Amino acid sequence: MIEILAESHDNYIAIKASGKLNADDYAQLIPQIETLITQHGTIHILAILDQLQGWDIKKVYDDFAFAKNNKDKLTKIAIVGEKKWKKWLTGFAWLFINIKVTQIKYYEFHQLEQARQWVQMT
């Protein structure tokens, strides 16, 4: 399940992902991100992975393909979650996204406020 958090505003979107993500989750999220990109040109994303259990492997590819195709519009991505996801997610993101364009940082749950501050800084 993906939930867009109320703290989202302007070109900043905060999402909370939990459970096992599927095609319906992405079908809901991607159009909203595309709308923000159209409205603001570039966006910053805070992704909170709360009890994430994984996702459909096809959707992983689609997610990172979307990010790669929009890498010049995704200026900052802060990922907050358990340590076990850090190496896998940041490594996979590095493979699909040109880090020189998109800044990606991984934070643990106790660093959530730091993540919020960093991702919203211009």
C-alpha atoms as a PDB file:
ATOM      1  CA  MET A   1       0.000   0.000   0.000  1.00  0.00           C
ATOM      2  CA  ILE A   2       1.217   3.498  -0.834  1.00  0.00           C
ATOM      3  CA  GLU A   3      -0.180   6.500   0.998  1.00  0.00           C
ATOM      4  CA  ILE A   4       0.520  10.110   0.043  1.00  0.00           C
ATOM      5  CA  LEU A   5       1.059  12.021   3.260  1.00  0.00           C
ATOM      6  CA  ALA A   6      -0.652  15.307   4.110  1.00  0.00           C
ATOM      7  CA  GLU A   7       2.701  17.049   4.548  1.00  0.00           C
ATOM      8  CA  SER A   8       3.166  16.992   0.750  1.00  0.00           C
ATOM      9  CA  HIS A   9       3.143  20.455  -0.826  1.00  0.00           C
ATOM     10  CA  ASP A  10       4.352  22.278  -3.922  1.00  0.00           C
ATOM     11  CA  ASN A  11       7.123  20.189  -5.503  1.00  0.00           C
ATOM     12  CA  TYR A  12       7.591  17.984  -2.409  1.00  0.00           C
ATOM     13  CA  ILE A  13       5.770  14.677  -2.104  1.00  0.00           C
ATOM     14  CA  ALA A  14       5.943  12.471   0.969  1.00  0.00           C
ATOM     15  CA  ILE A  15       4.795   8.882   0.651  1.00  0.00           C
ATOM     16  CA  LYS A  16       4.493   5.984   3.046  1.00  0.00           C
ATOM     17  CA  ALA A  17       4.857   2.484   1.623  1.00  0.00           C
ATOM     18  CA  SER A  18       3.931  -0.590   3.635  1.00  0.00           C
ATOM     19  CA  GLY A  19       3.158  -4.247   3.107  1.00  0.00           C
ATOM     20  CA  LYS A  20       3.822  -5.730  -0.333  1.00  0.00           C
ATOM     21  CA  LEU A  21       3.508  -3.213  -3.158  1.00  0.00           C
ATOM     22  CA  ASN A  22       1.670  -4.181  -6.320  1.00  0.00           C
ATOM     23  CA  ALA A  23       0.577  -2.770  -9.679  1.00  0.00           C
ATOM     24  CA  ASP A  24      -2.419  -0.950  -8.172  1.00  0.00           C
ATOM     25  CA  ASP A  25      -0.119   0.966  -5.806  1.00  0.00           C
ATOM     26  CA  TYR A  26       1.994   2.225  -8.688  1.00  0.00           C
ATOM     27  CA  ALA A  27      -1.046   2.948 -10.851  1.00  0.00           C
ATOM     28  CA  GLN A  28      -2.193   5.322  -8.107  1.00  0.00           C
ATOM     29  CA  LEU A  29       1.174   6.948  -7.393  1.00  0.00           C
ATOM     30  CA  ILE A  30       2.840   7.497 -10.776  1.00  0.00           C
ATOM     31  CA  PRO A  31       0.115   9.771 -12.269  1.00  0.00           C
ATOM     32  CA  GLN A  32       0.275  11.978  -9.179  1.00  0.00           C
ATOM     33  CA  ILE A  33       4.048  12.284  -9.495  1.00  0.00           C
ATOM     34  CA  GLU A  34       3.691  13.041 -13.206  1.00  0.00           C
ATOM     35  CA  THR A  35       1.175  15.793 -12.384  1.00  0.00           C
ATOM     36  CA  LEU A  36       3.620  17.368  -9.912  1.00  0.00           C
ATOM     37  CA  ILE A  37       6.400  17.214 -12.498  1.00  0.00           C
ATOM     38  CA  THR A  38       4.137  18.936 -15.038  1.00  0.00           C
ATOM     39  CA  GLN A  39       3.193  21.638 -12.508  1.00  0.00           C
ATOM     40  CA  HIS A  40       6.621  22.267 -10.969  1.00  0.00           C
ATOM     41  CA  GLY A  41       9.262  20.945 -13.374  1.00  0.00           C
ATOM     42  CA  THR A  42      11.244  19.158 -10.662  1.00  0.00           C
ATOM     43  CA  ILE A  43      10.204  17.382  -7.487  1.00  0.00           C
ATOM     44  CA  HIS A  44      11.622  16.097  -4.212  1.00  0.00           C
ATOM     45  CA  ILE A  45      10.412  12.770  -2.780  1.00  0.00           C
ATOM     46  CA  LEU A  46      10.387  11.475   0.778  1.00  0.00           C
ATOM     47  CA  ALA A  47       9.659   7.734   0.797  1.00  0.00           C
ATOM     48  CA  ILE A  48       8.987   6.176   4.192  1.00  0.00           C
ATOM     49  CA  LEU A  49       9.166   2.389   4.056  1.00  0.00           C
ATOM     50  CA  ASP A  50       7.101   1.284   7.040  1.00  0.00           C
ATOM     51  CA  GLN A  51       7.018  -2.483   7.498  1.00  0.00           C
ATOM     52  CA  LEU A  52       7.659  -2.919   3.788  1.00  0.00           C
ATOM     53  CA  GLN A  53       7.491  -6.571   2.788  1.00  0.00           C
ATOM     54  CA  GLY A  54       8.661  -6.137  -0.788  1.00  0.00           C
ATOM     55  CA  TRP A  55       6.956  -5.723  -4.130  1.00  0.00           C
ATOM     56  CA  ASP A  56       6.185  -7.363  -7.422  1.00  0.00           C
ATOM     57  CA  ILE A  57       9.536  -7.647  -9.270  1.00  0.00           C
ATOM     58  CA  LYS A  58       8.008  -6.310 -12.514  1.00  0.00           C
ATOM     59  CA  LYS A  59       6.895  -3.245 -10.598  1.00  0.00           C
ATOM     60  CA  VAL A  60      10.409  -2.758  -9.224  1.00  0.00           C
ATOM     61  CA  TYR A  61      11.672  -2.528 -12.782  1.00  0.00           C
ATOM     62  CA  ASP A  62       8.800  -0.222 -13.793  1.00  0.00           C
ATOM     63  CA  ASP A  63       9.467   1.999 -10.768  1.00  0.00           C
ATOM     64  CA  PHE A  64      13.150   2.392 -11.493  1.00  0.00           C
ATOM     65  CA  ALA A  65      12.506   2.741 -15.242  1.00  0.00           C
ATOM     66  CA  PHE A  66      10.123   5.616 -14.431  1.00  0.00           C
ATOM     67  CA  ALA A  67      12.815   7.183 -12.233  1.00  0.00           C
ATOM     68  CA  LYS A  68      15.466   6.757 -14.933  1.00  0.00           C
ATOM     69  CA  ASN A  69      13.220   8.341 -17.565  1.00  0.00           C
ATOM     70  CA  ASN A  70      12.529  11.281 -15.225  1.00  0.00           C
ATOM     71  CA  LYS A  71      15.938  11.543 -13.544  1.00  0.00           C
ATOM     72  CA  ASP A  72      16.360  15.201 -14.465  1.00  0.00           C
ATOM     73  CA  LYS A  73      13.039  15.975 -12.760  1.00  0.00           C
ATOM     74  CA  LEU A  74      13.593  13.986  -9.538  1.00  0.00           C
ATOM     75  CA  THR A  75      16.145  16.213  -7.868  1.00  0.00           C
ATOM     76  CA  LYS A  76      16.163  14.663  -4.390  1.00  0.00           C
ATOM     77  CA  ILE A  77      14.930  11.380  -3.006  1.00  0.00           C
ATOM     78  CA  ALA A  78      15.121  10.599   0.706  1.00  0.00           C
ATOM     79  CA  ILE A  79      14.355   6.992   1.608  1.00  0.00           C
ATOM     80  CA  VAL A  80      13.573   6.186   5.248  1.00  0.00           C
ATOM     81  CA  GLY A  81      13.413   2.589   6.369  1.00  0.00           C
ATOM     82  CA  GLU A  82      15.000  -0.416   7.988  1.00  0.00           C
ATOM     83  CA  LYS A  83      18.700  -1.119   7.525  1.00  0.00           C
ATOM     84  CA  LYS A  84      17.978  -4.276   5.533  1.00  0.00           C
ATOM     85  CA  TRP A  85      16.636  -2.214   2.604  1.00  0.00           C
ATOM     86  CA  LYS A  86      19.487   0.328   2.489  1.00  0.00           C
ATOM     87  CA  LYS A  87      22.094  -1.519   0.464  1.00  0.00           C
ATOM     88  CA  TRP A  88      19.592  -3.132  -1.878  1.00  0.00           C
ATOM     89  CA  LEU A  89      17.524  -0.026  -2.673  1.00  0.00           C
ATOM     90  CA  THR A  90      20.343   2.484  -2.962  1.00  0.00           C
ATOM     91  CA  GLY A  91      22.417   0.064  -5.031  1.00  0.00           C
ATOM     92  CA  PHE A  92      19.518  -0.682  -7.362  1.00  0.00           C
ATOM     93  CA  ALA A  93      18.693   3.016  -7.640  1.00  0.00           C
ATOM     94  CA  TRP A  94      22.329   3.783  -8.443  1.00  0.00           C
ATOM     95  CA  LEU A  95      22.157   1.290 -11.301  1.00  0.00           C
ATOM     96  CA  PHE A  96      19.044   2.858 -12.849  1.00  0.00           C
ATOM     97  CA  ILE A  97      19.397   6.567 -12.025  1.00  0.00           C
ATOM     98  CA  ASN A  98      22.264   8.907 -12.875  1.00  0.00           C
ATOM     99  CA  ILE A  99      23.242  10.043  -9.375  1.00  0.00           C
ATOM    100  CA  LYS A 100      24.899  13.177 -10.772  1.00  0.00           C
ATOM    101  CA  VAL A 101      21.394  14.442 -11.506  1.00  0.00           C
ATOM    102  CA  THR A 102      19.341  12.910  -8.701  1.00  0.00           C
ATOM    103  CA  GLN A 103      20.534  13.015  -5.108  1.00  0.00           C
ATOM    104  CA  ILE A 104      19.486   9.934  -3.148  1.00  0.00           C
ATOM    105  CA  LYS A 105      20.021   9.464   0.579  1.00  0.00           C
ATOM    106  CA  TYR A 106      18.944   6.642   2.843  1.00  0.00           C
ATOM    107  CA  TYR A 107      17.945   7.247   6.453  1.00  0.00           C
ATOM    108  CA  GLU A 108      16.876   4.983   9.295  1.00  0.00           C
ATOM    109  CA  PHE A 109      13.603   5.641  11.142  1.00  0.00           C
ATOM    110  CA  HIS A 110      15.252   7.564  13.972  1.00  0.00           C
ATOM    111  CA  GLN A 111      16.549   9.995  11.310  1.00  0.00           C
ATOM    112  CA  LEU A 112      13.131  10.799   9.827  1.00  0.00           C
ATOM    113  CA  GLU A 113      13.271  14.508  10.717  1.00  0.00           C
ATOM    114  CA  GLN A 114      16.746  14.798   9.168  1.00  0.00           C
ATOM    115  CA  ALA A 115      15.397  13.180   6.002  1.00  0.00           C
ATOM    116  CA  ARG A 116      12.480  15.629   5.876  1.00  0.00           C
ATOM    117  CA  GLN A 117      14.776  18.606   6.296  1.00  0.00           C
ATOM    118  CA  TRP A 118      17.319  17.404   3.738  1.00  0.00           C
ATOM    119  CA  VAL A 119      14.819  16.522   1.021  1.00  0.00           C
ATOM    120  CA  GLN A 120      13.035  19.883   1.300  1.00  0.00           C
ATOM    121  CA  MET A 121      16.200  21.993   1.179  1.00  0.00           C
ATOM    122  CA  THR A 122      16.776  23.664  -2.167  1.00  0.00           C
END
